[in-house]
Amino acid sequence: MLNYCMAIKKVKQGEIIKTAALLGILVSLPKSIYLYGRFMDGDLDFSSILISDLLYRYIFFSSFSWAILQINSNVSFERFKWPRALQIMVMLLVDILLVIVVLMLFKGLYPLFFPSGISEAENGYINFSFINLTVVLFFIARLLRVSTDKQESRIENEQLKQQNLQNELAALKNQIDPHFLFNSLNSLTSLIRENEKATQFVKKLSFMYRYILQSGDTDMVIVKEELKFLESYIYLMETRYRDRLRIEVQVEDYLLDRQIPPLALQLLVENSVKHNEISASNPLTIKVYSKDQSIFVENPIRVRSTLAEGTGTGLSNLEKRYLLLRKQNLKVSTENGIFKVELPLNQLS
């Protein structure tokens, strides 16, 4: 899937090179036709100098075309995560600077290869050619970018459809009547009513199951609901691991009404539990906290000696869901022995 981040799917180099080569030929064509006309009229000899001159122009025009296309269709989207309007303005300034530099190189190197130099008429024509080529290239780069994004979007949609079909198939294979499970949990609660801890455990488990079923019908939930679900999950985990596991949650109130994919926080906490050693000698502390416009989930890296059960695709699937639903990327880091995942919660436009 497209990583917005990691992000943006590149326009293929083959497309950029072919476009640049074609534009180099097209811009050099008027000069070629002019020289051919004079040659046919007998005004000049078709010498190696003329061929070299055409080759010199073609190399500059095609190289310049490649640079402008590369900057405007790939580099600007990969390197600079600015608002679109600001990004376009900056790229226009870069294009203008580049055309000035290339013109200086073209005119500065020309006398080294062709002692006759550039006439005033030729000088104006060269300026005109590079400026017009820059304008054309700017729009072609945008078209290549849009075409690539649409193609990648179609691929994403097809992958999502396939994934949904696989999920539906898996659900059919593992289908169980929810009422049966709820009734069974209620029956279990009545049997263990005198055991307060066991009763609380079953209630938390029942709440979690109900939340999972309800979240299957929605793409986004508010952070407040997700934290309530996470609270039940934490209760189950801390009951299981006792003092070997500690999960701290501290999220500011201003983020509670922001939207987040359901089960996102629980999956990250579960990921920490599954992949790190948890023992009496090495208790694990997982922190869930907010900072600026994001929620972070972090834990010290203590790789388990035995492989955890599971496919290992949970975090990858969450990254894809987050990008698809929020148009934002998770940020994963492993600096200073701390595994940290950031979930941006900027207001969606």
Protein backbone atom coordinates (compact mmCIF):
# COMPACT_ATOMS: atom_id res chain seq x y z
CA MET A 1 0.00 0.00 0.00
CA LEU A 2 0.93 3.54 -0.45
CA ASN A 3 2.97 4.90 2.35
CA TYR A 4 2.27 8.53 2.68
CA CYS A 5 4.83 8.92 4.21
CA MET A 6 7.46 6.64 3.50
CA ALA A 7 5.07 8.03 1.54
CA ILE A 8 4.49 8.90 -1.58
CA LYS A 9 4.81 6.50 -4.47
CA LYS A 10 7.58 7.67 -6.82
CA VAL A 11 6.93 8.50 -10.44
CA LYS A 12 8.87 5.82 -12.30
CA GLN A 13 12.29 6.88 -13.56
CA GLY A 14 11.53 5.27 -16.91
CA GLU A 15 8.61 7.67 -17.45
CA ILE A 16 10.69 10.68 -16.44
CA ILE A 17 13.62 9.72 -18.67
CA LYS A 18 11.41 9.02 -21.70
CA THR A 19 9.55 12.32 -21.23
CA ALA A 20 12.80 14.26 -20.80
CA ALA A 21 14.34 12.63 -23.90
CA LEU A 22 11.26 13.44 -25.99
CA LEU A 23 11.15 17.05 -24.81
CA GLY A 24 14.88 17.40 -25.54
CA ILE A 25 14.19 16.34 -29.12
CA LEU A 26 11.14 18.62 -29.48
CA VAL A 27 12.94 21.73 -28.18
CA SER A 28 15.96 21.02 -30.39
CA LEU A 29 13.73 20.42 -33.41
CA PRO A 30 13.29 24.06 -34.55
CA LYS A 31 17.08 24.49 -34.71
CA SER A 32 17.38 21.23 -36.62
CA ILE A 33 14.72 22.29 -39.14
CA TYR A 34 16.34 25.71 -39.55
CA LEU A 35 19.78 24.22 -40.22
CA TYR A 36 18.32 21.62 -42.56
CA GLY A 37 16.55 24.35 -44.55
CA ARG A 38 19.75 26.36 -44.93
CA PHE A 39 21.65 23.23 -45.91
CA MET A 40 19.08 22.40 -48.60
CA ASP A 41 19.34 25.97 -49.91
CA GLY A 42 23.12 25.58 -50.12
CA ASP A 43 23.84 28.29 -47.52
CA LEU A 44 26.08 26.07 -45.35
CA ASP A 45 27.89 22.77 -45.25
CA PHE A 46 26.53 19.99 -43.09
CA SER A 47 29.64 19.53 -40.95
CA SER A 48 30.55 17.82 -37.70
CA ILE A 49 30.33 21.21 -35.93
CA LEU A 50 26.61 21.38 -36.68
CA ILE A 51 26.06 17.85 -35.40
CA SER A 52 28.03 18.69 -32.25
CA ASP A 53 26.00 21.85 -31.77
CA LEU A 54 22.73 19.94 -32.01
CA LEU A 55 24.04 17.26 -29.65
CA TYR A 56 25.18 19.95 -27.17
CA ARG A 57 21.72 21.53 -27.17
CA TYR A 58 19.97 18.17 -26.88
CA ILE A 59 22.08 17.11 -23.88
CA PHE A 60 21.31 20.37 -22.07
CA PHE A 61 17.60 20.38 -22.90
CA SER A 62 17.03 16.72 -21.98
CA SER A 63 19.15 16.91 -18.79
CA PHE A 64 17.36 20.06 -17.73
CA SER A 65 14.00 18.41 -18.45
CA TRP A 66 14.94 15.39 -16.33
CA ALA A 67 16.00 17.61 -13.41
CA ILE A 68 12.81 19.71 -13.45
CA LEU A 69 10.58 16.62 -13.74
CA GLN A 70 12.44 14.81 -10.96
CA ILE A 71 12.24 17.78 -8.59
CA ASN A 72 8.59 18.60 -9.23
CA SER A 73 7.15 15.09 -9.42
CA ASN A 74 9.23 13.19 -6.84
CA VAL A 75 11.64 15.23 -4.69
CA SER A 76 9.12 17.91 -3.70
CA PHE A 77 6.63 15.29 -2.50
CA GLU A 78 9.17 13.05 -0.75
CA ARG A 79 11.24 15.65 1.08
CA PHE A 80 8.88 18.51 1.86
CA LYS A 81 5.67 17.79 3.80
CA TRP A 82 4.33 21.32 3.48
CA PRO A 83 0.83 22.59 2.59
CA ARG A 84 0.20 22.22 -1.13
CA ALA A 85 0.12 25.98 -1.87
CA LEU A 86 3.43 26.59 -0.07
CA GLN A 87 4.96 23.56 -1.75
CA ILE A 88 4.03 24.84 -5.23
CA MET A 89 5.45 28.30 -4.48
CA VAL A 90 8.74 26.85 -3.25
CA MET A 91 9.03 24.57 -6.27
CA LEU A 92 8.39 27.50 -8.63
CA LEU A 93 11.23 29.38 -6.97
CA VAL A 94 13.48 26.31 -7.25
CA ASP A 95 12.55 25.96 -10.94
CA ILE A 96 13.38 29.61 -11.61
CA LEU A 97 16.71 29.28 -9.83
CA LEU A 98 17.52 26.11 -11.75
CA VAL A 99 16.72 27.64 -15.15
CA ILE A 100 19.00 30.59 -14.34
CA VAL A 101 21.85 28.27 -13.34
CA VAL A 102 21.41 26.05 -16.42
CA LEU A 103 21.32 29.08 -18.75
CA MET A 104 24.57 30.33 -17.24
CA LEU A 105 26.16 26.90 -17.71
CA PHE A 106 24.85 26.59 -21.27
CA LYS A 107 26.20 29.99 -22.30
CA GLY A 108 29.39 29.71 -20.25
CA LEU A 109 30.43 26.32 -21.66
CA TYR A 110 29.29 26.97 -25.24
CA PRO A 111 32.41 29.00 -26.31
CA LEU A 112 34.68 26.20 -25.04
CA PHE A 113 33.23 23.84 -27.65
CA PHE A 114 32.25 26.35 -30.33
CA PRO A 115 34.64 29.35 -30.60
CA SER A 116 32.19 31.29 -32.75
CA GLY A 117 30.03 31.79 -29.65
CA ILE A 118 26.30 32.58 -29.47
CA SER A 119 24.81 35.39 -31.58
CA GLU A 120 22.30 37.88 -30.11
CA ALA A 121 19.45 36.25 -32.02
CA GLU A 122 20.52 32.82 -30.77
CA ASN A 123 20.86 34.16 -27.24
CA GLY A 124 17.24 35.35 -27.21
CA TYR A 125 16.03 32.08 -28.72
CA ILE A 126 17.87 30.03 -26.08
CA ASN A 127 16.41 32.15 -23.26
CA PHE A 128 12.95 31.77 -24.75
CA SER A 129 13.36 28.01 -25.18
CA PHE A 130 14.49 27.33 -21.59
CA ILE A 131 11.80 29.55 -20.04
CA ASN A 132 9.00 28.00 -22.08
CA LEU A 133 10.39 24.52 -21.44
CA THR A 134 10.34 25.22 -17.67
CA VAL A 135 6.64 26.18 -17.77
CA VAL A 136 5.74 23.10 -19.81
CA LEU A 137 7.79 20.82 -17.56
CA PHE A 138 6.14 22.19 -14.41
CA PHE A 139 2.69 21.16 -15.66
CA ILE A 140 3.89 17.84 -17.08
CA ALA A 141 5.42 17.00 -13.67
CA ARG A 142 2.06 17.68 -12.01
CA LEU A 143 0.30 15.45 -14.53
CA LEU A 144 2.80 12.64 -13.90
CA ARG A 145 2.29 13.05 -10.14
CA VAL A 146 -1.51 12.94 -10.43
CA SER A 147 -1.39 9.95 -12.78
CA THR A 148 0.90 8.03 -10.39
CA ASP A 149 -1.26 8.85 -7.37
CA LYS A 150 -4.44 7.74 -9.15
CA GLN A 151 -2.82 4.50 -10.26
CA GLU A 152 -1.59 3.83 -6.73
CA SER A 153 -5.03 4.66 -5.35
CA ARG A 154 -6.61 2.11 -7.68
CA ILE A 155 -4.11 -0.51 -6.52
CA GLU A 156 -4.86 0.36 -2.87
CA ASN A 157 -8.60 0.01 -3.44
CA GLU A 158 -8.15 -3.38 -5.08
CA GLN A 159 -5.94 -4.56 -2.23
CA LEU A 160 -8.47 -3.28 0.29
CA LYS A 161 -11.28 -5.14 -1.49
CA GLN A 162 -9.23 -8.34 -1.44
CA GLN A 163 -8.41 -7.84 2.24
CA ASN A 164 -12.10 -7.26 3.05
CA LEU A 165 -13.05 -10.43 1.19
CA GLN A 166 -10.42 -12.36 3.13
CA ASN A 167 -11.70 -10.90 6.40
CA GLU A 168 -15.27 -11.81 5.52
CA LEU A 169 -14.18 -15.34 4.68
CA ALA A 170 -12.31 -15.61 7.96
CA ALA A 171 -15.35 -14.30 9.82
CA LEU A 172 -17.56 -16.91 8.18
CA LYS A 173 -15.13 -19.66 9.09
CA ASN A 174 -15.03 -18.55 12.72
CA GLN A 175 -18.64 -17.42 13.02
CA ILE A 176 -20.23 -17.80 16.40
CA ASP A 177 -23.50 -16.42 17.69
CA PRO A 178 -22.61 -13.34 19.83
CA HIS A 179 -25.67 -13.89 22.03
CA PHE A 180 -24.42 -17.36 22.86
CA LEU A 181 -21.11 -15.98 24.09
CA PHE A 182 -22.73 -13.14 26.05
CA ASN A 183 -25.18 -15.54 27.69
CA SER A 184 -22.29 -17.85 28.52
CA LEU A 185 -20.36 -14.99 30.12
CA ASN A 186 -23.42 -13.96 32.12
CA SER A 187 -23.83 -17.53 33.28
CA LEU A 188 -20.18 -17.63 34.28
CA THR A 189 -20.62 -14.39 36.23
CA SER A 190 -23.49 -15.87 38.21
CA LEU A 191 -21.38 -18.93 39.03
CA ILE A 192 -18.46 -16.91 40.37
CA ARG A 193 -20.42 -14.04 41.92
CA GLU A 194 -18.78 -14.55 45.29
CA ASN A 195 -15.34 -14.08 43.74
CA GLU A 196 -15.16 -10.34 43.18
CA LYS A 197 -11.94 -10.41 41.11
CA ALA A 198 -13.20 -13.15 38.84
CA THR A 199 -16.53 -11.36 38.39
CA GLN A 200 -14.75 -8.14 37.48
CA PHE A 201 -12.52 -10.02 35.03
CA VAL A 202 -15.53 -11.52 33.22
CA LYS A 203 -17.28 -8.13 33.07
CA LYS A 204 -14.23 -6.54 31.50
CA LEU A 205 -13.97 -9.39 29.02
CA SER A 206 -17.65 -9.05 28.14
CA PHE A 207 -17.27 -5.29 27.61
CA MET A 208 -14.28 -5.87 25.34
CA TYR A 209 -16.13 -8.39 23.22
CA ARG A 210 -19.13 -6.07 22.86
CA TYR A 211 -16.85 -3.18 21.87
CA ILE A 212 -15.06 -5.30 19.24
CA LEU A 213 -18.39 -6.32 17.70
CA GLN A 214 -19.69 -2.75 17.66
CA SER A 215 -16.46 -1.31 16.24
CA GLY A 216 -16.71 -3.68 13.30
CA ASP A 217 -19.49 -1.45 11.93
CA THR A 218 -17.52 1.80 12.11
CA ASP A 219 -14.22 3.03 10.72
CA MET A 220 -13.44 5.59 13.41
CA VAL A 221 -14.16 6.08 17.11
CA ILE A 222 -13.36 8.91 19.47
CA VAL A 223 -10.28 8.61 21.68
CA LYS A 224 -12.43 8.61 24.82
CA GLU A 225 -14.17 5.38 23.74
CA GLU A 226 -10.90 3.79 22.71
CA LEU A 227 -9.35 4.59 26.09
CA LYS A 228 -12.32 3.05 27.88
CA PHE A 229 -11.81 -0.13 25.88
CA LEU A 230 -8.06 0.01 26.56
CA GLU A 231 -8.80 0.26 30.28
CA SER A 232 -10.59 -3.10 30.16
CA TYR A 233 -7.75 -4.66 28.18
CA ILE A 234 -5.20 -3.31 30.68
CA TYR A 235 -7.19 -4.85 33.53
CA LEU A 236 -7.04 -8.27 31.87
CA MET A 237 -3.31 -7.98 31.13
CA GLU A 238 -2.38 -6.76 34.60
CA THR A 239 -4.49 -9.52 36.11
CA ARG A 240 -2.58 -12.04 34.06
CA TYR A 241 0.93 -10.67 34.61
CA ARG A 242 0.35 -9.05 38.04
CA ASP A 243 3.33 -6.95 39.18
CA ARG A 244 5.41 -8.05 36.17
CA LEU A 245 3.51 -5.65 33.90
CA ARG A 246 2.62 -1.99 34.37
CA ILE A 247 0.68 0.07 31.83
CA GLU A 248 0.49 3.82 32.42
CA VAL A 249 -2.08 5.95 30.57
CA GLN A 250 -2.07 9.75 30.57
CA VAL A 251 -3.91 11.46 27.70
CA GLU A 252 -4.89 15.13 27.80
CA ASP A 253 -8.60 16.02 27.71
CA TYR A 254 -8.34 18.11 24.52
CA LEU A 255 -7.61 14.95 22.52
CA LEU A 256 -10.50 12.86 23.86
CA ASP A 257 -12.90 13.90 21.10
CA ARG A 258 -10.43 13.33 18.28
CA GLN A 259 -11.05 10.35 16.00
CA ILE A 260 -8.92 7.22 15.81
CA PRO A 261 -9.30 3.80 14.14
CA PRO A 262 -10.91 1.36 16.60
CA LEU A 263 -8.57 -0.97 18.54
CA ALA A 264 -5.51 1.09 17.52
CA LEU A 265 -4.23 1.71 21.06
CA GLN A 266 -5.05 -1.81 22.21
CA LEU A 267 -3.14 -3.28 19.28
CA LEU A 268 -0.03 -1.25 20.12
CA VAL A 269 -0.14 -2.25 23.78
CA GLU A 270 -0.71 -5.87 22.77
CA ASN A 271 2.23 -5.61 20.38
CA SER A 272 4.46 -4.52 23.27
CA VAL A 273 3.25 -7.38 25.45
CA LYS A 274 3.75 -9.99 22.73
CA HIS A 275 7.26 -9.02 21.67
CA ASN A 276 8.98 -8.15 24.93
CA GLU A 277 10.15 -10.18 27.90
CA ILE A 278 7.87 -9.93 30.93
CA SER A 279 9.22 -11.54 34.08
CA ALA A 280 9.71 -10.93 37.78
CA SER A 281 13.34 -9.98 37.17
CA ASN A 282 12.47 -7.83 34.13
CA PRO A 283 9.03 -6.25 34.62
CA LEU A 284 7.72 -4.32 31.62
CA THR A 285 6.34 -0.79 31.73
CA ILE A 286 4.26 0.43 28.81
CA LYS A 287 3.39 4.12 28.59
CA VAL A 288 0.44 5.59 26.70
CA TYR A 289 0.57 9.37 26.76
CA SER A 290 -0.19 12.48 24.74
CA LYS A 291 2.10 15.24 23.55
CA ASP A 292 1.18 18.14 21.31
CA GLN A 293 -1.27 16.72 18.74
CA SER A 294 -0.33 13.03 19.07
CA ILE A 295 -0.71 9.98 21.28
CA PHE A 296 2.41 7.91 21.95
CA VAL A 297 2.77 4.28 22.98
CA GLU A 298 6.25 3.30 24.13
CA ASN A 299 8.12 0.60 25.99
CA PRO A 300 11.75 -0.40 26.62
CA ILE A 301 12.99 -2.94 24.09
CA ARG A 302 13.50 -6.32 25.76
CA VAL A 303 13.32 -8.90 22.99
CA ARG A 304 11.75 -12.18 24.03
CA SER A 305 13.94 -15.25 23.97
CA THR A 306 11.08 -17.19 22.39
CA LEU A 307 9.05 -16.02 19.41
CA ALA A 308 5.63 -14.60 20.20
CA GLU A 309 2.57 -16.18 18.65
CA GLY A 310 1.00 -14.35 15.74
CA THR A 311 1.67 -13.38 12.15
CA GLY A 312 3.70 -10.27 12.94
CA THR A 313 1.51 -8.14 10.64
CA GLY A 314 -0.49 -6.30 13.31
CA LEU A 315 1.56 -3.10 13.25
CA SER A 316 1.79 -3.17 9.45
CA ASN A 317 -1.99 -3.54 9.14
CA LEU A 318 -2.54 -0.69 11.60
CA GLU A 319 -0.21 1.54 9.55
CA LYS A 320 -2.27 0.83 6.44
CA ARG A 321 -5.58 1.40 8.24
CA TYR A 322 -4.33 4.64 9.78
CA LEU A 323 -3.15 5.97 6.44
CA LEU A 324 -6.36 4.97 4.70
CA LEU A 325 -8.73 6.39 7.33
CA ARG A 326 -6.84 9.44 8.65
CA LYS A 327 -4.54 10.18 5.70
CA GLN A 328 -1.67 10.30 8.19
CA ASN A 329 1.28 8.06 8.95
CA LEU A 330 2.26 6.34 12.14
CA LYS A 331 5.78 7.25 13.21
CA VAL A 332 7.81 4.36 14.60
CA SER A 333 11.19 4.83 16.29
CA THR A 334 13.62 2.65 18.23
CA GLU A 335 16.00 5.25 19.62
CA ASN A 336 17.86 4.81 22.92
CA GLY A 337 16.49 1.32 23.44
CA ILE A 338 12.86 2.57 23.45
CA PHE A 339 10.27 1.32 20.98
CA LYS A 340 7.88 4.21 20.34
CA VAL A 341 4.88 4.62 18.06
CA GLU A 342 3.32 8.03 17.47
CA LEU A 343 -0.31 8.34 16.34
CA PRO A 344 -0.87 11.88 14.95
CA LEU A 345 -4.31 13.26 15.87
CA ASN A 346 -4.30 16.60 14.07
CA GLN A 347 -7.78 17.85 13.23
CA LEU A 348 -8.95 16.28 9.98
CA SER A 349 -9.78 18.86 7.30
